[in-house]
C-alpha atoms as a PDB file:
ATOM      1  CA  UNK A   1     -25.042   4.743 -20.987  1.00  0.00           C
ATOM      2  CA  UNK A   2     -23.393   2.526 -18.326  1.00  0.00           C
ATOM      3  CA  UNK A   3     -21.661  -0.784 -19.032  1.00  0.00           C
ATOM      4  CA  UNK A   4     -21.537  -4.027 -16.934  1.00  0.00           C
ATOM      5  CA  UNK A   5     -18.724  -6.324 -16.307  1.00  0.00           C
ATOM      6  CA  UNK A   6     -18.133  -9.099 -13.871  1.00  0.00           C
ATOM      7  CA  UNK A   7     -14.686  -9.257 -12.207  1.00  0.00           C
ATOM      8  CA  UNK A   8     -15.495 -13.051 -11.891  1.00  0.00           C
ATOM      9  CA  UNK A   9     -15.164 -13.215 -15.539  1.00  0.00           C
ATOM     10  CA  UNK A  10     -11.636 -11.593 -15.794  1.00  0.00           C
ATOM     11  CA  UNK A  11      -8.493 -13.714 -15.182  1.00  0.00           C
ATOM     12  CA  UNK A  12      -5.515 -11.306 -16.436  1.00  0.00           C
ATOM     13  CA  UNK A  13      -1.994 -12.550 -17.240  1.00  0.00           C
ATOM     14  CA  UNK A  14       0.788 -10.067 -16.495  1.00  0.00           C
ATOM     15  CA  UNK A  15       4.218 -10.566 -17.644  1.00  0.00           C
ATOM     16  CA  UNK A  16       7.446  -9.621 -15.339  1.00  0.00           C
ATOM     17  CA  UNK A  17       7.819  -6.546 -17.607  1.00  0.00           C
ATOM     18  CA  UNK A  18       4.328  -5.509 -17.070  1.00  0.00           C
ATOM     19  CA  UNK A  19       4.893  -5.590 -13.290  1.00  0.00           C
ATOM     20  CA  UNK A  20       8.019  -3.614 -13.726  1.00  0.00           C
ATOM     21  CA  UNK A  21       6.019  -0.909 -15.891  1.00  0.00           C
ATOM     22  CA  UNK A  22       3.684  -0.677 -13.158  1.00  0.00           C
ATOM     23  CA  UNK A  23       5.854   0.176 -10.503  1.00  0.00           C
ATOM     24  CA  UNK A  24       4.654   3.732 -10.181  1.00  0.00           C
ATOM     25  CA  UNK A  25       2.296   5.822  -7.580  1.00  0.00           C
ATOM     26  CA  UNK A  26      -1.259   4.593  -8.545  1.00  0.00           C
ATOM     27  CA  UNK A  27      -3.855   6.890 -10.201  1.00  0.00           C
ATOM     28  CA  UNK A  28      -5.003   8.281  -6.814  1.00  0.00           C
ATOM     29  CA  UNK A  29      -1.512   9.444  -5.998  1.00  0.00           C
ATOM     30  CA  UNK A  30      -0.795  10.256  -9.720  1.00  0.00           C
ATOM     31  CA  UNK A  31      -0.212  14.037  -9.096  1.00  0.00           C
ATOM     32  CA  UNK A  32       0.666  14.596  -5.672  1.00  0.00           C
ATOM     33  CA  UNK A  33       3.234  16.662  -4.159  1.00  0.00           C
ATOM     34  CA  UNK A  34       4.607  17.805  -0.962  1.00  0.00           C
ATOM     35  CA  UNK A  35       2.753  21.022  -1.526  1.00  0.00           C
ATOM     36  CA  UNK A  36      -0.407  19.165  -1.756  1.00  0.00           C
ATOM     37  CA  UNK A  37       0.075  17.642   1.431  1.00  0.00           C
ATOM     38  CA  UNK A  38      -1.557  19.956   3.990  1.00  0.00           C
ATOM     39  CA  UNK A  39      -0.114  19.009   7.578  1.00  0.00           C
ATOM     40  CA  UNK A  40      -2.354  19.192  10.614  1.00  0.00           C
ATOM     41  CA  UNK A  41      -1.227  22.289  12.715  1.00  0.00           C
ATOM     42  CA  UNK A  42      -1.854  20.301  15.912  1.00  0.00           C
ATOM     43  CA  UNK A  43       0.582  17.388  14.735  1.00  0.00           C
ATOM     44  CA  UNK A  44       4.112  19.107  14.110  1.00  0.00           C
ATOM     45  CA  UNK A  45       5.817  15.525  13.064  1.00  0.00           C
ATOM     46  CA  UNK A  46       3.604  16.194   9.821  1.00  0.00           C
ATOM     47  CA  UNK A  47       5.349  19.247   8.851  1.00  0.00           C
ATOM     48  CA  UNK A  48       8.586  17.869   9.714  1.00  0.00           C
ATOM     49  CA  UNK A  49       8.328  14.806   7.571  1.00  0.00           C
ATOM     50  CA  UNK A  50       7.290  17.187   4.769  1.00  0.00           C
ATOM     51  CA  UNK A  51      10.635  19.058   5.332  1.00  0.00           C
ATOM     52  CA  UNK A  52      12.752  16.076   5.867  1.00  0.00           C
ATOM     53  CA  UNK A  53      11.401  14.082   2.997  1.00  0.00           C
ATOM     54  CA  UNK A  54      11.909  17.154   0.541  1.00  0.00           C
ATOM     55  CA  UNK A  55      15.790  17.183   1.727  1.00  0.00           C
ATOM     56  CA  UNK A  56      15.769  13.465   1.271  1.00  0.00           C
ATOM     57  CA  UNK A  57      14.378  13.803  -2.499  1.00  0.00           C
ATOM     58  CA  UNK A  58      17.297  16.145  -3.183  1.00  0.00           C
ATOM     59  CA  UNK A  59      19.932  13.568  -2.079  1.00  0.00           C
ATOM     60  CA  UNK A  60      18.499  10.896  -4.478  1.00  0.00           C
ATOM     61  CA  UNK A  61      21.152   9.896  -7.243  1.00  0.00           C
ATOM     62  CA  UNK A  62      23.658  12.012  -5.286  1.00  0.00           C
ATOM     63  CA  UNK A  63      26.823  10.144  -3.892  1.00  0.00           C
ATOM     64  CA  UNK A  64      27.559  10.410  -0.196  1.00  0.00           C
ATOM     65  CA  UNK A  65      30.496  12.792   0.886  1.00  0.00           C
ATOM     66  CA  UNK A  66      31.371   9.682   3.216  1.00  0.00           C
ATOM     67  CA  UNK A  67      32.256   7.918  -0.074  1.00  0.00           C
ATOM     68  CA  UNK A  68      35.979   7.111  -2.000  1.00  0.00           C
ATOM     69  CA  UNK A  69      37.551  10.483  -1.135  1.00  0.00           C
ATOM     70  CA  UNK A  70      36.707  10.219   2.381  1.00  0.00           C
ATOM     71  CA  UNK A  71      38.122   6.693   2.721  1.00  0.00           C
ATOM     72  CA  UNK A  72      41.053   7.726   0.618  1.00  0.00           C
ATOM     73  CA  UNK A  73      42.224  10.446   3.014  1.00  0.00           C
ATOM     74  CA  UNK A  74      41.170   8.205   6.208  1.00  0.00           C
ATOM     75  CA  UNK A  75      38.198  11.056   7.048  1.00  0.00           C
ATOM     76  CA  UNK A  76      35.272   8.416   6.405  1.00  0.00           C
ATOM     77  CA  UNK A  77      31.950   9.326   8.307  1.00  0.00           C
ATOM     78  CA  UNK A  78      29.665   7.205   9.797  1.00  0.00           C
ATOM     79  CA  UNK A  79      27.757   5.508   7.162  1.00  0.00           C
ATOM     80  CA  UNK A  80      24.294   6.903   6.950  1.00  0.00           C
ATOM     81  CA  UNK A  81      21.191   5.030   6.937  1.00  0.00           C
ATOM     82  CA  UNK A  82      20.091   3.709   3.502  1.00  0.00           C
ATOM     83  CA  UNK A  83      16.688   5.554   3.476  1.00  0.00           C
ATOM     84  CA  UNK A  84      13.537   6.749   5.323  1.00  0.00           C
ATOM     85  CA  UNK A  85      10.856   5.009   7.265  1.00  0.00           C
ATOM     86  CA  UNK A  86       7.660   6.539   7.841  1.00  0.00           C
ATOM     87  CA  UNK A  87       5.705   5.166  10.791  1.00  0.00           C
ATOM     88  CA  UNK A  88       2.207   6.208  11.876  1.00  0.00           C
ATOM     89  CA  UNK A  89      -1.257   5.067  12.038  1.00  0.00           C
ATOM     90  CA  UNK A  90      -3.843   4.853   9.028  1.00  0.00           C
ATOM     91  CA  UNK A  91      -4.805   7.700   7.009  1.00  0.00           C
ATOM     92  CA  UNK A  92      -2.139  10.323   8.180  1.00  0.00           C
ATOM     93  CA  UNK A  93      -0.834  10.787   4.879  1.00  0.00           C
ATOM     94  CA  UNK A  94       1.991   8.389   4.638  1.00  0.00           C
ATOM     95  CA  UNK A  95       1.319   7.313   1.008  1.00  0.00           C
ATOM     96  CA  UNK A  96       0.630  10.949  -0.174  1.00  0.00           C
ATOM     97  CA  UNK A  97       4.254  11.767   1.282  1.00  0.00           C
ATOM     98  CA  UNK A  98       5.986   8.472  -0.195  1.00  0.00           C
ATOM     99  CA  UNK A  99       4.425   9.419  -3.563  1.00  0.00           C
ATOM    100  CA  UNK A 100       5.504  12.899  -3.337  1.00  0.00           C
ATOM    101  CA  UNK A 101       8.966  11.854  -2.829  1.00  0.00           C
ATOM    102  CA  UNK A 102       8.835   9.486  -6.103  1.00  0.00           C
ATOM    103  CA  UNK A 103       7.499  12.470  -7.977  1.00  0.00           C
ATOM    104  CA  UNK A 104      10.305  15.124  -6.502  1.00  0.00           C
ATOM    105  CA  UNK A 105      13.085  12.873  -6.865  1.00  0.00           C
ATOM    106  CA  UNK A 106      15.110  12.597 -10.047  1.00  0.00           C
ATOM    107  CA  UNK A 107      16.791   9.499 -11.771  1.00  0.00           C
ATOM    108  CA  UNK A 108      15.045   6.053 -12.148  1.00  0.00           C
ATOM    109  CA  UNK A 109      12.433   5.357  -9.584  1.00  0.00           C
ATOM    110  CA  UNK A 110      10.297   2.338  -8.461  1.00  0.00           C
ATOM    111  CA  UNK A 111       7.303   2.643  -6.329  1.00  0.00           C
ATOM    112  CA  UNK A 112       5.084  -0.137  -4.914  1.00  0.00           C
ATOM    113  CA  UNK A 113       3.371  -1.738  -2.023  1.00  0.00           C
ATOM    114  CA  UNK A 114       5.230  -4.692  -0.236  1.00  0.00           C
ATOM    115  CA  UNK A 115       3.224  -7.358  -1.703  1.00  0.00           C
ATOM    116  CA  UNK A 116       3.880  -5.928  -4.896  1.00  0.00           C
ATOM    117  CA  UNK A 117       7.684  -6.252  -4.210  1.00  0.00           C
ATOM    118  CA  UNK A 118       7.374  -9.827  -3.213  1.00  0.00           C
ATOM    119  CA  UNK A 119       5.317 -10.523  -6.246  1.00  0.00           C
ATOM    120  CA  UNK A 120       8.108  -9.307  -8.589  1.00  0.00           C
ATOM    121  CA  UNK A 121      10.748 -11.493  -6.704  1.00  0.00           C
ATOM    122  CA  UNK A 122       8.148 -14.234  -7.552  1.00  0.00           C
ATOM    123  CA  UNK A 123       7.874 -13.556 -11.193  1.00  0.00           C
ATOM    124  CA  UNK A 124      11.516 -12.775 -11.789  1.00  0.00           C
ATOM    125  CA  UNK A 125      13.434 -14.759  -8.986  1.00  0.00           C
ATOM    126  CA  UNK A 126      15.198 -13.275  -6.108  1.00  0.00           C
ATOM    127  CA  UNK A 127      18.560 -12.742  -8.138  1.00  0.00           C
ATOM    128  CA  UNK A 128      16.749 -11.083 -10.900  1.00  0.00           C
ATOM    129  CA  UNK A 129      14.894  -8.736  -8.933  1.00  0.00           C
ATOM    130  CA  UNK A 130      17.982  -7.551  -7.230  1.00  0.00           C
ATOM    131  CA  UNK A 131      19.882  -7.114 -10.503  1.00  0.00           C
ATOM    132  CA  UNK A 132      16.878  -5.155 -11.767  1.00  0.00           C
ATOM    133  CA  UNK A 133      16.499  -2.910  -8.741  1.00  0.00           C
ATOM    134  CA  UNK A 134      19.989  -1.886  -8.460  1.00  0.00           C
ATOM    135  CA  UNK A 135      19.596  -0.253 -11.600  1.00  0.00           C
ATOM    136  CA  UNK A 136      17.340   2.196  -9.817  1.00  0.00           C
ATOM    137  CA  UNK A 137      18.305   5.416  -7.814  1.00  0.00           C
ATOM    138  CA  UNK A 138      14.847   5.117  -5.465  1.00  0.00           C
ATOM    139  CA  UNK A 139      13.085   2.424  -4.517  1.00  0.00           C
ATOM    140  CA  UNK A 140       9.772   3.117  -2.327  1.00  0.00           C
ATOM    141  CA  UNK A 141       8.042   0.413  -0.382  1.00  0.00           C
ATOM    142  CA  UNK A 142       4.542   1.100   0.796  1.00  0.00           C
ATOM    143  CA  UNK A 143       2.800  -0.593   3.351  1.00  0.00           C
ATOM    144  CA  UNK A 144       5.388  -2.176   4.867  1.00  0.00           C
ATOM    145  CA  UNK A 145       4.347  -5.146   6.820  1.00  0.00           C
ATOM    146  CA  UNK A 146       6.030  -8.673   7.731  1.00  0.00           C
ATOM    147  CA  UNK A 147       3.491 -11.201   8.290  1.00  0.00           C
ATOM    148  CA  UNK A 148       5.289 -14.300   7.956  1.00  0.00           C
ATOM    149  CA  UNK A 149       8.943 -15.488   8.390  1.00  0.00           C
ATOM    150  CA  UNK A 150       9.664 -15.887   4.861  1.00  0.00           C
ATOM    151  CA  UNK A 151       8.640 -12.571   3.668  1.00  0.00           C
ATOM    152  CA  UNK A 152      10.877 -11.202   6.688  1.00  0.00           C
ATOM    153  CA  UNK A 153      14.155 -12.956   5.044  1.00  0.00           C
ATOM    154  CA  UNK A 154      13.140 -12.038   1.454  1.00  0.00           C
ATOM    155  CA  UNK A 155      12.609  -8.606   2.066  1.00  0.00           C
ATOM    156  CA  UNK A 156      15.579  -8.189   4.567  1.00  0.00           C
ATOM    157  CA  UNK A 157      17.987  -9.652   1.819  1.00  0.00           C
ATOM    158  CA  UNK A 158      16.627  -7.679  -0.903  1.00  0.00           C
ATOM    159  CA  UNK A 159      16.851  -4.322   0.766  1.00  0.00           C
ATOM    160  CA  UNK A 160      20.302  -5.019   2.141  1.00  0.00           C
ATOM    161  CA  UNK A 161      21.646  -5.899  -1.221  1.00  0.00           C
ATOM    162  CA  UNK A 162      20.142  -2.665  -2.732  1.00  0.00           C
ATOM    163  CA  UNK A 163      21.430  -0.362  -0.016  1.00  0.00           C
ATOM    164  CA  UNK A 164      25.094  -2.004  -0.320  1.00  0.00           C
ATOM    165  CA  UNK A 165      24.539  -1.103  -4.207  1.00  0.00           C
ATOM    166  CA  UNK A 166      23.949   2.451  -3.196  1.00  0.00           C
ATOM    167  CA  UNK A 167      19.966   2.573  -4.019  1.00  0.00           C
ATOM    168  CA  UNK A 168      17.920   4.999  -1.664  1.00  0.00           C
ATOM    169  CA  UNK A 169      15.068   3.356  -0.225  1.00  0.00           C
ATOM    170  CA  UNK A 170      11.957   5.087   1.480  1.00  0.00           C
ATOM    171  CA  UNK A 171       9.272   2.722   2.926  1.00  0.00           C
ATOM    172  CA  UNK A 172       5.882   3.377   5.050  1.00  0.00           C
ATOM    173  CA  UNK A 173       4.038   1.256   7.536  1.00  0.00           C
ATOM    174  CA  UNK A 174       2.165   1.401  10.815  1.00  0.00           C
ATOM    175  CA  UNK A 175       4.871  -0.600  12.584  1.00  0.00           C
ATOM    176  CA  UNK A 176       8.405   0.474  13.691  1.00  0.00           C
ATOM    177  CA  UNK A 177      11.166  -1.607  12.165  1.00  0.00           C
ATOM    178  CA  UNK A 178      12.353  -2.960  15.239  1.00  0.00           C
ATOM    179  CA  UNK A 179       9.041  -3.955  16.236  1.00  0.00           C
ATOM    180  CA  UNK A 180       7.895  -5.913  13.119  1.00  0.00           C
ATOM    181  CA  UNK A 181       6.864  -9.568  13.791  1.00  0.00           C
ATOM    182  CA  UNK A 182       5.619  -8.674  17.424  1.00  0.00           C
ATOM    183  CA  UNK A 183       2.547 -10.507  18.111  1.00  0.00           C
ATOM    184  CA  UNK A 184       2.793 -12.511  14.710  1.00  0.00           C
ATOM    185  CA  UNK A 185       5.332 -15.120  15.032  1.00  0.00           C
ATOM    186  CA  UNK A 186       7.762 -15.749  17.925  1.00  0.00           C
ATOM    187  CA  UNK A 187      10.615 -17.279  15.814  1.00  0.00           C
ATOM    188  CA  UNK A 188      13.936 -16.094  17.604  1.00  0.00           C
ATOM    189  CA  UNK A 189      15.648 -16.975  14.421  1.00  0.00           C
ATOM    190  CA  UNK A 190      14.135 -14.004  12.411  1.00  0.00           C
ATOM    191  CA  UNK A 191      14.807 -11.214  15.350  1.00  0.00           C
ATOM    192  CA  UNK A 192      18.473 -10.534  13.773  1.00  0.00           C
ATOM    193  CA  UNK A 193      16.616 -10.114  10.434  1.00  0.00           C
ATOM    194  CA  UNK A 194      14.461  -7.823  11.798  1.00  0.00           C
ATOM    195  CA  UNK A 195      17.016  -5.652  13.316  1.00  0.00           C
ATOM    196  CA  UNK A 196      18.846  -5.517  10.136  1.00  0.00           C
ATOM    197  CA  UNK A 197      15.967  -3.839   8.663  1.00  0.00           C
ATOM    198  CA  UNK A 198      15.758  -1.373  11.664  1.00  0.00           C
ATOM    199  CA  UNK A 199      19.306  -0.398  11.329  1.00  0.00           C
ATOM    200  CA  UNK A 200      19.023   0.438   7.703  1.00  0.00           C
ATOM    201  CA  UNK A 201      16.479   3.339   7.879  1.00  0.00           C
ATOM    202  CA  UNK A 202      16.149   6.757   9.463  1.00  0.00           C
ATOM    203  CA  UNK A 203      12.835   6.570  11.510  1.00  0.00           C
ATOM    204  CA  UNK A 204      10.399   9.292  11.435  1.00  0.00           C
ATOM    205  CA  UNK A 205       7.112   9.018  13.335  1.00  0.00           C
ATOM    206  CA  UNK A 206       3.899  10.570  11.916  1.00  0.00           C
ATOM    207  CA  UNK A 207       1.249  11.484  14.357  1.00  0.00           C
ATOM    208  CA  UNK A 208      -2.620  12.447  13.532  1.00  0.00           C
ATOM    209  CA  UNK A 209      -5.916  11.089  13.184  1.00  0.00           C
ATOM    210  CA  UNK A 210      -7.261   9.173  10.116  1.00  0.00           C
ATOM    211  CA  UNK A 211      -7.939  11.943   7.605  1.00  0.00           C
ATOM    212  CA  UNK A 212     -10.484   9.596   6.104  1.00  0.00           C
ATOM    213  CA  UNK A 213     -12.594  10.035   9.151  1.00  0.00           C
ATOM    214  CA  UNK A 214     -11.892  13.732  10.220  1.00  0.00           C
ATOM    215  CA  UNK A 215     -15.230  15.377  10.635  1.00  0.00           C
ATOM    216  CA  UNK A 216     -16.998  12.818   8.336  1.00  0.00           C
ATOM    217  CA  UNK A 217     -20.275  11.214   9.122  1.00  0.00           C
ATOM    218  CA  UNK A 218     -20.408   7.554   9.886  1.00  0.00           C
ATOM    219  CA  UNK A 219     -20.197   4.925   7.184  1.00  0.00           C
ATOM    220  CA  UNK A 220     -23.494   4.608   5.440  1.00  0.00           C
ATOM    221  CA  UNK A 221     -25.634   1.471   6.155  1.00  0.00           C
ATOM    222  CA  UNK A 222     -25.405  -1.234   3.385  1.00  0.00           C
ATOM    223  CA  UNK A 223     -28.157  -0.842   0.581  1.00  0.00           C
ATOM    224  CA  UNK A 224     -31.104  -2.884  -0.069  1.00  0.00           C
ATOM    225  CA  UNK A 225     -29.975  -5.848  -2.447  1.00  0.00           C
ATOM    226  CA  UNK A 226     -32.324  -4.571  -5.126  1.00  0.00           C
ATOM    227  CA  UNK A 227     -31.114  -0.869  -4.787  1.00  0.00           C
ATOM    228  CA  UNK A 228     -27.679  -1.823  -5.472  1.00  0.00           C
ATOM    229  CA  UNK A 229     -27.385  -1.943  -9.424  1.00  0.00           C
ATOM    230  CA  UNK A 230     -30.172   0.795 -10.150  1.00  0.00           C
ATOM    231  CA  UNK A 231     -28.380   3.197  -8.080  1.00  0.00           C
ATOM    232  CA  UNK A 232     -24.990   2.572  -9.200  1.00  0.00           C
ATOM    233  CA  UNK A 233     -26.367   3.214 -12.886  1.00  0.00           C
ATOM    234  CA  UNK A 234     -28.050   6.380 -11.531  1.00  0.00           C
ATOM    235  CA  UNK A 235     -24.986   7.787  -9.859  1.00  0.00           C
ATOM    236  CA  UNK A 236     -22.712   6.661 -12.521  1.00  0.00           C
ATOM    237  CA  UNK A 237     -24.572   6.823 -15.868  1.00  0.00           C
ATOM    238  CA  UNK A 238     -21.380   6.569 -18.281  1.00  0.00           C
ATOM    239  CA  UNK A 239     -19.231   4.322 -15.994  1.00  0.00           C
ATOM    240  CA  UNK A 240     -18.047   0.727 -16.568  1.00  0.00           C
ATOM    241  CA  UNK A 241     -19.571  -0.969 -13.570  1.00  0.00           C
ATOM    242  CA  UNK A 242     -18.325  -4.409 -12.082  1.00  0.00           C
ATOM    243  CA  UNK A 243     -21.432  -6.041 -10.828  1.00  0.00           C
ATOM    244  CA  UNK A 244     -20.600  -9.331  -8.449  1.00  0.00           C
ATOM    245  CA  UNK A 245     -21.790 -11.386  -5.889  1.00  0.00           C
ATOM    246  CA  UNK A 246     -19.318 -10.898  -2.866  1.00  0.00           C
ATOM    247  CA  UNK A 247     -19.214 -14.975  -2.251  1.00  0.00           C
ATOM    248  CA  UNK A 248     -18.532 -15.587  -5.859  1.00  0.00           C
ATOM    249  CA  UNK A 249     -15.932 -12.808  -5.990  1.00  0.00           C
ATOM    250  CA  UNK A 250     -14.055 -14.272  -2.829  1.00  0.00           C
ATOM    251  CA  UNK A 251     -14.097 -17.493  -4.466  1.00  0.00           C
ATOM    252  CA  UNK A 252     -12.547 -16.017  -7.761  1.00  0.00           C
ATOM    253  CA  UNK A 253      -9.959 -14.233  -5.971  1.00  0.00           C
ATOM    254  CA  UNK A 254      -8.649 -17.652  -4.801  1.00  0.00           C
ATOM    255  CA  UNK A 255      -7.885 -18.548  -8.354  1.00  0.00           C
ATOM    256  CA  UNK A 256      -6.156 -15.356  -9.136  1.00  0.00           C
ATOM    257  CA  UNK A 257      -2.828 -14.621  -8.003  1.00  0.00           C
ATOM    258  CA  UNK A 258      -2.802 -10.882  -5.750  1.00  0.00           C
ATOM    259  CA  UNK A 259      -0.177  -9.558  -8.226  1.00  0.00           C
ATOM    260  CA  UNK A 260      -2.643  -9.467 -11.108  1.00  0.00           C
ATOM    261  CA  UNK A 261      -5.592  -7.622  -9.097  1.00  0.00           C
ATOM    262  CA  UNK A 262      -4.483  -4.305 -10.386  1.00  0.00           C
ATOM    263  CA  UNK A 263      -4.875  -5.386 -13.888  1.00  0.00           C
ATOM    264  CA  UNK A 264      -8.333  -7.172 -13.026  1.00  0.00           C
ATOM    265  CA  UNK A 265      -9.718  -3.807 -12.191  1.00  0.00           C
ATOM    266  CA  UNK A 266      -8.146  -2.176 -15.328  1.00  0.00           C
ATOM    267  CA  UNK A 267     -11.388  -1.417 -17.165  1.00  0.00           C
ATOM    268  CA  UNK A 268     -13.533  -1.018 -13.766  1.00  0.00           C
ATOM    269  CA  UNK A 269     -14.929   2.526 -12.879  1.00  0.00           C
ATOM    270  CA  UNK A 270     -17.661   1.191  -9.994  1.00  0.00           C
ATOM    271  CA  UNK A 271     -17.858  -1.511  -8.033  1.00  0.00           C
ATOM    272  CA  UNK A 272     -21.601  -2.935  -7.511  1.00  0.00           C
ATOM    273  CA  UNK A 273     -21.394  -5.845  -4.872  1.00  0.00           C
ATOM    274  CA  UNK A 274     -24.185  -7.952  -3.841  1.00  0.00           C
ATOM    275  CA  UNK A 275     -24.641  -9.799  -0.566  1.00  0.00           C
ATOM    276  CA  UNK A 276     -21.410  -8.844   1.447  1.00  0.00           C
ATOM    277  CA  UNK A 277     -20.674 -11.093   4.266  1.00  0.00           C
ATOM    278  CA  UNK A 278     -18.160 -11.374   7.165  1.00  0.00           C
ATOM    279  CA  UNK A 279     -15.218 -13.197   6.192  1.00  0.00           C
ATOM    280  CA  UNK A 280     -14.128 -15.940   8.403  1.00  0.00           C
ATOM    281  CA  UNK A 281     -10.988 -17.641   6.545  1.00  0.00           C
ATOM    282  CA  UNK A 282      -7.940 -15.839   7.021  1.00  0.00           C
ATOM    283  CA  UNK A 283      -6.312 -16.482   3.695  1.00  0.00           C
ATOM    284  CA  UNK A 284      -9.618 -15.553   1.893  1.00  0.00           C
ATOM    285  CA  UNK A 285      -9.394 -12.398   4.356  1.00  0.00           C
ATOM    286  CA  UNK A 286      -5.799 -11.516   3.290  1.00  0.00           C
ATOM    287  CA  UNK A 287      -6.562 -11.792  -0.533  1.00  0.00           C
ATOM    288  CA  UNK A 288      -9.428  -9.224  -0.151  1.00  0.00           C
ATOM    289  CA  UNK A 289      -7.399  -6.886   1.604  1.00  0.00           C
ATOM    290  CA  UNK A 290      -5.043  -6.661  -1.502  1.00  0.00           C
ATOM    291  CA  UNK A 291      -8.249  -6.151  -3.642  1.00  0.00           C
ATOM    292  CA  UNK A 292      -9.163  -3.215  -1.261  1.00  0.00           C
ATOM    293  CA  UNK A 293      -5.704  -1.567  -1.517  1.00  0.00           C
ATOM    294  CA  UNK A 294      -6.023  -1.797  -5.499  1.00  0.00           C
ATOM    295  CA  UNK A 295      -9.566  -0.607  -5.591  1.00  0.00           C
ATOM    296  CA  UNK A 296      -8.581   2.155  -3.038  1.00  0.00           C
ATOM    297  CA  UNK A 297      -5.490   3.163  -5.555  1.00  0.00           C
ATOM    298  CA  UNK A 298      -7.512   3.194  -8.309  1.00  0.00           C
ATOM    299  CA  UNK A 299     -10.393   5.216  -6.472  1.00  0.00           C
ATOM    300  CA  UNK A 300     -13.311   3.078  -7.414  1.00  0.00           C
ATOM    301  CA  UNK A 301     -16.528   3.888  -5.847  1.00  0.00           C
ATOM    302  CA  UNK A 302     -18.400   0.969  -3.996  1.00  0.00           C
ATOM    303  CA  UNK A 303     -22.130   0.248  -3.844  1.00  0.00           C
ATOM    304  CA  UNK A 304     -22.959  -2.838  -1.628  1.00  0.00           C
ATOM    305  CA  UNK A 305     -25.622  -4.718   0.133  1.00  0.00           C
ATOM    306  CA  UNK A 306     -25.091  -7.023   3.073  1.00  0.00           C
ATOM    307  CA  UNK A 307     -23.092  -6.742   6.070  1.00  0.00           C
ATOM    308  CA  UNK A 308     -21.246  -2.904   6.631  1.00  0.00           C
ATOM    309  CA  UNK A 309     -17.466  -3.090   5.936  1.00  0.00           C
ATOM    310  CA  UNK A 310     -16.738  -2.543   9.628  1.00  0.00           C
ATOM    311  CA  UNK A 311     -18.159  -6.306  10.200  1.00  0.00           C
ATOM    312  CA  UNK A 312     -16.132  -7.520   7.031  1.00  0.00           C
ATOM    313  CA  UNK A 313     -13.734  -9.328   9.113  1.00  0.00           C
ATOM    314  CA  UNK A 314     -14.273 -11.297  12.528  1.00  0.00           C
ATOM    315  CA  UNK A 315     -13.515 -10.080  15.808  1.00  0.00           C
ATOM    316  CA  UNK A 316     -10.620 -12.287  16.263  1.00  0.00           C
ATOM    317  CA  UNK A 317      -8.966 -11.335  12.848  1.00  0.00           C
ATOM    318  CA  UNK A 318      -9.249  -7.569  14.056  1.00  0.00           C
ATOM    319  CA  UNK A 319      -7.543  -8.357  17.172  1.00  0.00           C
ATOM    320  CA  UNK A 320      -4.900 -10.922  15.730  1.00  0.00           C
ATOM    321  CA  UNK A 321      -1.561 -10.818  14.340  1.00  0.00           C
ATOM    322  CA  UNK A 322      -2.964  -9.407  10.697  1.00  0.00           C
ATOM    323  CA  UNK A 323      -4.969  -6.465  12.434  1.00  0.00           C
ATOM    324  CA  UNK A 324      -3.069  -3.656  10.979  1.00  0.00           C
ATOM    325  CA  UNK A 325      -4.142  -4.767   7.496  1.00  0.00           C
ATOM    326  CA  UNK A 326      -7.662  -5.147   8.246  1.00  0.00           C
ATOM    327  CA  UNK A 327      -8.063  -1.850   9.898  1.00  0.00           C
ATOM    328  CA  UNK A 328      -6.308  -0.302   6.778  1.00  0.00           C
ATOM    329  CA  UNK A 329      -8.796  -2.423   4.492  1.00  0.00           C
ATOM    330  CA  UNK A 330     -11.900  -1.260   6.526  1.00  0.00           C
ATOM    331  CA  UNK A 331     -10.853   2.266   6.652  1.00  0.00           C
ATOM    332  CA  UNK A 332     -10.021   2.459   2.975  1.00  0.00           C
ATOM    333  CA  UNK A 333     -13.284   0.533   1.846  1.00  0.00           C
ATOM    334  CA  UNK A 334     -15.443   2.656   4.128  1.00  0.00           C
ATOM    335  CA  UNK A 335     -13.963   5.819   2.191  1.00  0.00           C
ATOM    336  CA  UNK A 336     -14.980   4.424  -1.306  1.00  0.00           C
ATOM    337  CA  UNK A 337     -18.431   3.431   0.136  1.00  0.00           C
ATOM    338  CA  UNK A 338     -19.385   6.894   1.359  1.00  0.00           C
ATOM    339  CA  UNK A 339     -18.190   7.962  -2.161  1.00  0.00           C
ATOM    340  CA  UNK A 340     -20.102   5.369  -4.117  1.00  0.00           C
ATOM    341  CA  UNK A 341     -23.320   5.838  -2.001  1.00  0.00           C
ATOM    342  CA  UNK A 342     -23.101   9.625  -2.249  1.00  0.00           C
ATOM    343  CA  UNK A 343     -22.656  10.463   1.518  1.00  0.00           C
ATOM    344  CA  UNK A 344     -21.492  13.949   1.792  1.00  0.00           C
ATOM    345  CA  UNK A 345     -17.860  14.701   2.846  1.00  0.00           C
ATOM    346  CA  UNK A 346     -17.393  17.977   4.838  1.00  0.00           C
END
């Protein structure tokens, strides 16, 4: 029989050691590989990315041929980029490839979203985070988006020190490194920092359409409010179902640090939301984006009443500086709603 819990009753505490222990691909990407990534034949950049990342995985933990001996005999080669940067739109499989790299590489590896790394720095201190991550052979950074100047400086310093220590780095994003910050803040002081990031990566573009919407029907309409819980229990009779009012959940998220959202969802199998409404506050919207990412990571089906998720954010938000985050969240939430409400995927 299904059990009910409320996310609004959960305020988890997460230690720095627990944050580090969680730096691995999520459940959704727990068993992926380069072989399970199916390139679109009409998009040759996808097959090229698989081949390049497979070679990169083989290089993790191995010294560069342009190292000590090359310098000793005066035949040092130009310094290779510290890592790979996968640029592309939503749903072309960048996270799948990044997780496949993590699984394929040998040695000590860390995998997390951009937000999770900034949270790690906040929990450990910058110097401690650098000292810890220097002991890794590979650091994978998913969803690399710089939304404010402080994060630009923070991640630039972190990656520069890791690269200097010989750590391989791989990242995904929807924006080329040299274009990070455009349309978000105009401070000239940060252009130098942004360029430093760009210079540290070999950039690979992955083209294609969002796989979550290839050949799929439109997102289903929201349920009537009285249907939400009965349908959740009918479809998931043995599940742990989180039942929450959307406005109350937004209020609760304001009191829980985003680094704890993954732990908050630890025992949740299904999410039943009442009265979804358009979010009009930017800070609230960005917190919900983090929750959406964690729900998608854990593959939590959603059943909801209220407005459809393609109206979750205002038109101004969808056209503003954080639009890439919002479009990603809408794409992922729509996929989870299809699953939760039983809409067939072809």
